[in-house]
N, C-alpha and C. Protein backbone atom coordinates (compact mmCIF):
# COMPACT_ATOMS: atom_id res chain seq x y z
N MET A 1 10.87 2.63 9.52
CA MET A 1 9.49 3.03 9.43
C MET A 1 9.40 4.17 8.41
N ARG A 2 8.36 4.13 7.62
CA ARG A 2 8.15 5.15 6.60
C ARG A 2 6.80 5.82 6.84
N ARG A 3 6.72 7.09 6.54
CA ARG A 3 5.48 7.84 6.71
C ARG A 3 4.76 7.96 5.37
N PHE A 4 3.44 7.85 5.43
CA PHE A 4 2.59 8.04 4.27
C PHE A 4 1.53 9.08 4.62
N VAL A 5 1.18 9.90 3.67
CA VAL A 5 0.05 10.82 3.84
C VAL A 5 -1.16 10.12 3.26
N ILE A 6 -2.17 9.94 4.10
CA ILE A 6 -3.35 9.16 3.71
C ILE A 6 -4.53 10.09 3.47
N PRO A 7 -5.18 9.98 2.32
CA PRO A 7 -6.38 10.79 2.08
C PRO A 7 -7.50 10.42 3.06
N VAL A 8 -8.27 11.39 3.46
CA VAL A 8 -9.39 11.14 4.37
C VAL A 8 -10.37 10.14 3.75
N SER A 9 -10.46 10.12 2.44
CA SER A 9 -11.38 9.21 1.76
C SER A 9 -11.06 7.74 2.06
N PHE A 10 -9.83 7.45 2.50
CA PHE A 10 -9.48 6.08 2.87
C PHE A 10 -10.37 5.56 4.00
N LEU A 11 -10.84 6.45 4.84
CA LEU A 11 -11.66 6.02 5.99
C LEU A 11 -12.94 5.33 5.55
N ALA A 12 -13.37 5.58 4.33
CA ALA A 12 -14.60 4.96 3.83
C ALA A 12 -14.35 3.58 3.21
N LEU A 13 -13.08 3.21 3.03
CA LEU A 13 -12.76 1.93 2.42
C LEU A 13 -12.79 0.81 3.46
N PRO A 14 -13.57 -0.25 3.21
CA PRO A 14 -13.70 -1.33 4.20
C PRO A 14 -12.37 -1.94 4.64
N ASP A 15 -11.47 -2.20 3.71
CA ASP A 15 -10.19 -2.81 4.08
C ASP A 15 -9.36 -1.88 4.96
N PHE A 16 -9.41 -0.60 4.67
CA PHE A 16 -8.65 0.35 5.49
C PHE A 16 -9.26 0.48 6.88
N ARG A 17 -10.58 0.39 6.96
CA ARG A 17 -11.24 0.44 8.28
C ARG A 17 -10.81 -0.75 9.14
N VAL A 18 -10.66 -1.91 8.52
CA VAL A 18 -10.18 -3.09 9.24
C VAL A 18 -8.77 -2.82 9.77
N LEU A 19 -7.93 -2.23 8.94
CA LEU A 19 -6.57 -1.90 9.35
C LEU A 19 -6.59 -0.90 10.51
N MET A 20 -7.48 0.07 10.46
CA MET A 20 -7.62 1.05 11.55
C MET A 20 -8.06 0.37 12.85
N GLU A 21 -8.98 -0.58 12.74
CA GLU A 21 -9.44 -1.31 13.93
C GLU A 21 -8.29 -2.12 14.53
N ARG A 22 -7.48 -2.74 13.66
CA ARG A 22 -6.31 -3.49 14.14
C ARG A 22 -5.32 -2.56 14.83
N ALA A 23 -5.14 -1.35 14.28
CA ALA A 23 -4.24 -0.37 14.88
C ALA A 23 -4.74 0.03 16.27
N ALA A 24 -6.04 0.22 16.42
CA ALA A 24 -6.61 0.58 17.71
C ALA A 24 -6.42 -0.54 18.72
N GLU A 25 -6.59 -1.79 18.28
CA GLU A 25 -6.39 -2.93 19.18
C GLU A 25 -4.93 -3.06 19.62
N GLU A 26 -4.02 -2.85 18.67
CA GLU A 26 -2.61 -3.06 18.97
C GLU A 26 -1.96 -1.88 19.69
N TYR A 27 -2.29 -0.66 19.29
CA TYR A 27 -1.61 0.52 19.82
C TYR A 27 -2.48 1.41 20.69
N GLY A 28 -3.80 1.20 20.68
CA GLY A 28 -4.70 2.06 21.43
C GLY A 28 -5.01 3.33 20.66
N PHE A 29 -5.81 4.20 21.28
CA PHE A 29 -6.24 5.41 20.61
C PHE A 29 -5.37 6.62 20.95
N GLU A 30 -4.52 6.50 21.93
CA GLU A 30 -3.74 7.65 22.37
C GLU A 30 -2.30 7.58 21.85
N GLN A 31 -2.15 7.60 20.55
CA GLN A 31 -0.83 7.61 19.93
C GLN A 31 -0.36 9.05 19.76
N GLU A 32 0.91 9.27 19.97
CA GLU A 32 1.47 10.59 19.73
C GLU A 32 2.07 10.62 18.34
N GLY A 33 1.98 11.77 17.69
CA GLY A 33 2.53 11.89 16.34
C GLY A 33 1.62 11.22 15.33
N GLY A 34 2.22 10.60 14.34
CA GLY A 34 1.44 9.94 13.29
C GLY A 34 0.79 8.66 13.76
N LEU A 35 -0.19 8.24 13.03
CA LEU A 35 -0.90 7.00 13.33
C LEU A 35 -0.06 5.82 12.86
N ARG A 36 0.14 4.87 13.72
CA ARG A 36 0.88 3.66 13.36
C ARG A 36 -0.09 2.57 12.92
N LEU A 37 0.24 1.93 11.83
CA LEU A 37 -0.60 0.84 11.32
C LEU A 37 0.15 -0.48 11.46
N PRO A 38 -0.55 -1.52 11.89
CA PRO A 38 0.10 -2.82 12.12
C PRO A 38 0.25 -3.63 10.82
N CYS A 39 1.06 -3.11 9.92
CA CYS A 39 1.35 -3.87 8.70
C CYS A 39 2.72 -3.47 8.21
N GLN A 40 3.29 -4.31 7.39
CA GLN A 40 4.59 -4.04 6.80
C GLN A 40 4.45 -2.98 5.71
N GLU A 41 5.51 -2.21 5.50
CA GLU A 41 5.49 -1.16 4.48
C GLU A 41 5.16 -1.73 3.10
N ASP A 42 5.77 -2.87 2.76
CA ASP A 42 5.52 -3.48 1.45
C ASP A 42 4.04 -3.85 1.28
N ASP A 43 3.43 -4.37 2.33
CA ASP A 43 2.02 -4.73 2.27
C ASP A 43 1.15 -3.49 2.07
N PHE A 44 1.50 -2.40 2.76
CA PHE A 44 0.73 -1.17 2.62
C PHE A 44 0.88 -0.61 1.21
N GLN A 45 2.07 -0.68 0.65
CA GLN A 45 2.28 -0.18 -0.71
C GLN A 45 1.48 -1.01 -1.71
N LEU A 46 1.38 -2.31 -1.51
CA LEU A 46 0.56 -3.15 -2.38
C LEU A 46 -0.91 -2.75 -2.28
N TYR A 47 -1.37 -2.47 -1.06
CA TYR A 47 -2.75 -2.03 -0.85
C TYR A 47 -2.98 -0.71 -1.57
N TRP A 48 -2.04 0.23 -1.40
CA TRP A 48 -2.13 1.55 -2.04
C TRP A 48 -2.25 1.40 -3.56
N CYS A 49 -1.42 0.55 -4.13
CA CYS A 49 -1.44 0.33 -5.58
C CYS A 49 -2.75 -0.31 -6.03
N ALA A 50 -3.28 -1.21 -5.22
CA ALA A 50 -4.54 -1.86 -5.57
C ALA A 50 -5.69 -0.85 -5.57
N VAL A 51 -5.67 0.10 -4.64
CA VAL A 51 -6.74 1.09 -4.53
C VAL A 51 -6.60 2.16 -5.61
N PHE A 52 -5.38 2.67 -5.81
CA PHE A 52 -5.18 3.79 -6.71
C PHE A 52 -4.60 3.42 -8.06
N GLY A 53 -4.13 2.19 -8.21
CA GLY A 53 -3.64 1.73 -9.50
C GLY A 53 -2.31 2.33 -9.95
N ASN A 54 -1.50 2.85 -9.01
CA ASN A 54 -0.17 3.33 -9.43
C ASN A 54 0.86 2.45 -8.82
């Protein structure tokens, strides 16, 4: 598992909101520590690159 620091502005992105909803369904709202997202690291990195272009 890898940790990413996510800008608050991500919350306004529709695709990221869908990912957050999936996280709530899968893990619930009472997670300890960092927020876990239900996707593979490679998929998240592709999303990150698509949004920020790096």
